[in-house]
Amino acid sequence: MPPADHRQTLQEIRDLFAEAEQVIKEVEDFGGELVVPAANQLRYTGNHLIRYLADPDCAAAEEELSDAIKHCKRATYDAYEAAILYQLMEFQKFKDDYRNTIVTDVIPSYSDILAQVAEARDFARKNNQSKTRGESYQAGREHLEVITRNVSKLNAAREELNKKIKKDRLHFFVGAIGALSGLVLLIIGLASYLFS
């Protein structure tokens, strides 16, 4: 039986572990391989708990519990970060696909989406210290929700953007034919004037 003063800490670990597990399940929908770092963090949590349970009265018991908490938070962070990075790749695919298209004609809020995606990118970049990543784990959910919603909006607009591209190409083609026709008529007119 753990000492009474550790029960609250163990309950906190249980709650953090359950939260991390739930986030991992959500992120698995994006791709199973994305959750490996987060799953490893939960494995480390288990390792610290086993050491604690082996001797709850040892001098390092508090440190083992503290480390278990840190790894649970880090697991949640890692799951969010992996999903955010996945969504950033999806966003980049969209940008590459429509790099020569005026996207704002179909998605008027595109500049707002760009700013929100940049915030998510900054969140992932700024948390590059492995020891402190877990401290900002709760902000990961908000960033993931925003970038996922925006990538979904962009992907939903693909059909209209593709129609716009076809229409723009047709206009260009018709314009080019008109310009070439005008040029040919000009040359014929000049030739007939010069040779008559």
Protein backbone atom coordinates (compact mmCIF):
# COMPACT_ATOMS: atom_id res chain seq x y z
CA MET A 1 0.00 0.00 0.00
CA PRO A 2 1.50 3.36 -0.96
CA PRO A 3 2.04 5.96 1.73
CA ALA A 4 -0.99 8.23 2.21
CA ASP A 5 0.91 11.32 1.08
CA HIS A 6 1.57 9.66 -2.30
CA ARG A 7 -2.05 8.72 -3.01
CA GLN A 8 -2.92 12.12 -4.45
CA THR A 9 0.18 12.06 -6.66
CA LEU A 10 -0.71 8.56 -7.86
CA GLN A 11 -4.23 9.73 -8.69
CA GLU A 12 -2.74 12.63 -10.66
CA ILE A 13 -0.55 10.17 -12.56
CA ARG A 14 -3.59 7.98 -13.23
CA ASP A 15 -5.51 10.97 -14.62
CA LEU A 16 -2.59 12.20 -16.73
CA PHE A 17 -2.00 8.69 -18.03
CA ALA A 18 -5.67 8.36 -19.03
CA GLU A 19 -5.53 11.75 -20.77
CA ALA A 20 -2.38 10.78 -22.67
CA GLU A 21 -3.92 7.46 -23.65
CA GLN A 22 -7.03 9.23 -24.98
CA VAL A 23 -4.96 11.69 -27.02
CA ILE A 24 -2.90 8.83 -28.44
CA LYS A 25 -6.09 7.09 -29.56
CA GLU A 26 -7.24 10.30 -31.28
CA VAL A 27 -3.90 10.79 -33.01
CA GLU A 28 -3.84 7.18 -34.21
CA ASP A 29 -6.59 8.19 -36.64
CA PHE A 30 -4.03 10.30 -38.51
CA GLY A 31 -1.58 7.42 -38.68
CA GLY A 32 -0.51 4.71 -36.28
CA GLU A 33 3.19 5.47 -36.64
CA LEU A 34 2.64 8.98 -35.28
CA VAL A 35 2.07 7.74 -31.74
CA VAL A 36 5.31 5.82 -31.23
CA PRO A 37 7.11 8.63 -29.34
CA ALA A 38 4.06 9.19 -27.13
CA ALA A 39 3.71 5.47 -26.42
CA ASN A 40 7.39 5.39 -25.45
CA GLN A 41 6.76 8.17 -22.93
CA LEU A 42 3.97 6.13 -21.35
CA ARG A 43 6.34 3.18 -21.21
CA TYR A 44 8.81 5.39 -19.30
CA THR A 45 5.96 6.37 -16.97
CA GLY A 46 5.40 2.70 -16.24
CA ASN A 47 9.10 2.23 -15.61
CA HIS A 48 9.12 4.97 -12.95
CA LEU A 49 5.95 3.61 -11.35
CA ILE A 50 7.43 0.11 -11.13
CA ARG A 51 10.56 1.50 -9.44
CA TYR A 52 8.37 3.45 -7.05
CA LEU A 53 6.14 0.44 -6.29
CA ALA A 54 9.18 -1.74 -5.67
CA ASP A 55 10.07 0.47 -2.70
CA PRO A 56 7.57 3.29 -1.97
CA ASP A 57 9.52 4.33 1.12
CA CYS A 58 12.89 4.78 -0.59
CA ALA A 59 14.62 8.15 -0.81
CA ALA A 60 13.96 8.40 -4.55
CA ALA A 61 10.20 7.70 -4.31
CA GLU A 62 9.21 11.35 -4.75
CA GLU A 63 11.53 11.69 -7.72
CA GLU A 64 10.14 8.54 -9.34
CA LEU A 65 6.59 9.88 -9.02
CA SER A 66 7.64 13.29 -10.29
CA ASP A 67 9.32 11.69 -13.30
CA ALA A 68 6.21 9.60 -13.97
CA ILE A 69 4.13 12.81 -14.07
CA LYS A 70 6.62 14.44 -16.45
CA HIS A 71 6.53 11.47 -18.81
CA CYS A 72 2.71 11.42 -18.86
CA LYS A 73 2.65 15.10 -19.80
CA ARG A 74 5.37 14.52 -22.36
CA ALA A 75 3.37 11.63 -23.87
CA THR A 76 0.41 13.95 -24.40
CA TYR A 77 2.66 16.64 -25.85
CA ASP A 78 4.38 14.17 -28.19
CA ALA A 79 1.05 12.90 -29.50
CA TYR A 80 -0.17 16.44 -30.20
CA GLU A 81 3.14 17.44 -31.75
CA ALA A 82 3.15 14.43 -34.08
CA ALA A 83 -0.39 15.17 -35.24
CA ILE A 84 0.41 18.88 -35.69
CA LEU A 85 3.47 18.01 -37.79
CA TYR A 86 1.34 15.63 -39.86
CA GLN A 87 -1.21 18.40 -40.45
CA LEU A 88 1.60 20.80 -41.37
CA MET A 89 2.70 18.33 -44.06
CA GLU A 90 -0.89 18.13 -45.33
CA PHE A 91 -1.01 21.93 -45.41
CA GLN A 92 2.26 22.05 -47.36
CA LYS A 93 0.83 19.59 -49.91
CA PHE A 94 -2.11 21.96 -50.39
CA LYS A 95 0.22 24.95 -50.83
CA ASP A 96 2.30 23.01 -53.36
CA ASP A 97 -0.77 21.88 -55.30
CA TYR A 98 -2.16 25.41 -55.57
CA ARG A 99 1.02 27.50 -55.61
CA ASN A 100 0.06 29.12 -58.95
CA THR A 101 -3.57 29.73 -58.03
CA ILE A 102 -5.16 32.69 -56.32
CA VAL A 103 -6.65 30.72 -53.46
CA THR A 104 -8.44 33.70 -51.89
CA ASP A 105 -10.92 33.72 -54.79
CA VAL A 106 -12.32 30.46 -53.40
CA ILE A 107 -11.23 30.71 -49.73
CA PRO A 108 -11.54 34.36 -48.69
CA SER A 109 -10.16 33.57 -45.20
CA TYR A 110 -6.95 32.05 -46.61
CA SER A 111 -4.71 34.71 -45.04
CA ASP A 112 -6.27 34.01 -41.62
CA ILE A 113 -5.67 30.29 -42.16
CA LEU A 114 -2.02 31.01 -43.02
CA ALA A 115 -1.61 32.94 -39.75
CA GLN A 116 -3.21 30.16 -37.69
CA VAL A 117 -1.06 27.51 -39.35
CA ALA A 118 2.01 29.63 -38.60
CA GLU A 119 1.01 29.69 -34.91
CA ALA A 120 0.79 25.89 -34.84
CA ARG A 121 4.17 25.65 -36.59
CA ASP A 122 5.68 28.03 -34.04
CA PHE A 123 4.23 25.98 -31.18
CA ALA A 124 5.98 22.88 -32.48
CA ARG A 125 9.25 24.72 -33.15
CA LYS A 126 9.45 26.62 -29.88
CA ASN A 127 9.12 23.50 -27.76
CA ASN A 128 12.37 21.91 -28.83
CA GLN A 129 13.80 21.32 -25.36
CA SER A 130 13.21 17.67 -24.54
CA LYS A 131 13.11 18.25 -20.78
CA THR A 132 10.47 21.00 -20.88
CA ARG A 133 8.20 19.88 -23.71
CA GLY A 134 5.72 18.34 -21.33
CA GLU A 135 5.10 21.67 -19.61
CA SER A 136 3.12 23.00 -22.58
CA TYR A 137 1.25 19.81 -23.36
CA GLN A 138 -2.20 21.33 -22.79
CA ALA A 139 -1.73 24.00 -25.49
CA GLY A 140 -1.19 21.22 -28.02
CA ARG A 141 -4.89 20.32 -28.21
CA GLU A 142 -5.90 23.85 -29.20
CA HIS A 143 -3.23 24.08 -31.89
CA LEU A 144 -4.13 20.66 -33.24
CA GLU A 145 -7.83 21.47 -33.38
CA VAL A 146 -7.18 24.76 -35.22
CA ILE A 147 -4.78 23.34 -37.79
CA THR A 148 -6.93 20.23 -38.37
CA ARG A 149 -10.01 22.38 -38.93
CA ASN A 150 -8.08 24.62 -41.36
CA VAL A 151 -6.58 21.74 -43.33
CA SER A 152 -10.08 20.27 -43.62
CA LYS A 153 -11.37 23.62 -44.97
CA LEU A 154 -8.56 23.73 -47.50
CA ASN A 155 -9.10 20.17 -48.65
CA ALA A 156 -12.85 20.79 -48.93
CA ALA A 157 -12.08 23.66 -51.33
CA ARG A 158 -9.95 21.53 -53.66
CA GLU A 159 -12.84 20.77 -56.03
CA GLU A 160 -13.71 24.45 -56.47
CA LEU A 161 -10.05 25.38 -56.84
CA ASN A 162 -9.61 22.71 -59.52
CA LYS A 163 -12.63 24.13 -61.36
CA LYS A 164 -11.07 27.59 -61.09
CA ILE A 165 -7.80 26.30 -62.52
CA LYS A 166 -9.61 24.73 -65.50
CA LYS A 167 -11.58 27.93 -66.05
CA ASP A 168 -8.44 30.07 -65.83
CA ARG A 169 -6.63 27.79 -68.27
CA LEU A 170 -9.55 28.01 -70.71
CA HIS A 171 -9.55 31.80 -70.46
CA PHE A 172 -5.81 31.85 -71.02
CA PHE A 173 -6.11 29.49 -73.99
CA VAL A 174 -8.92 31.53 -75.56
CA GLY A 175 -6.98 34.73 -74.91
CA ALA A 176 -3.83 33.26 -76.43
CA ILE A 177 -5.73 32.12 -79.52
CA GLY A 178 -7.29 35.58 -79.81
CA ALA A 179 -3.89 37.25 -79.49
CA LEU A 180 -2.34 34.89 -82.03
CA SER A 181 -5.26 35.44 -84.42
CA GLY A 182 -4.83 39.20 -84.07
CA LEU A 183 -1.12 38.90 -84.68
CA VAL A 184 -1.67 36.75 -87.78
CA LEU A 185 -4.24 39.22 -89.12
CA LEU A 186 -1.84 42.08 -88.45
CA ILE A 187 0.95 40.31 -90.31
CA ILE A 188 -1.38 39.51 -93.24
CA GLY A 189 -2.58 43.11 -93.27
CA LEU A 190 0.96 44.46 -93.21
CA ALA A 191 2.08 42.01 -95.88
CA SER A 192 -0.81 42.91 -98.16
CA TYR A 193 -0.13 46.61 -97.65
CA LEU A 194 3.58 46.27 -98.32
CA PHE A 195 3.23 44.01 -101.35
CA SER A 196 0.36 45.80 -103.05
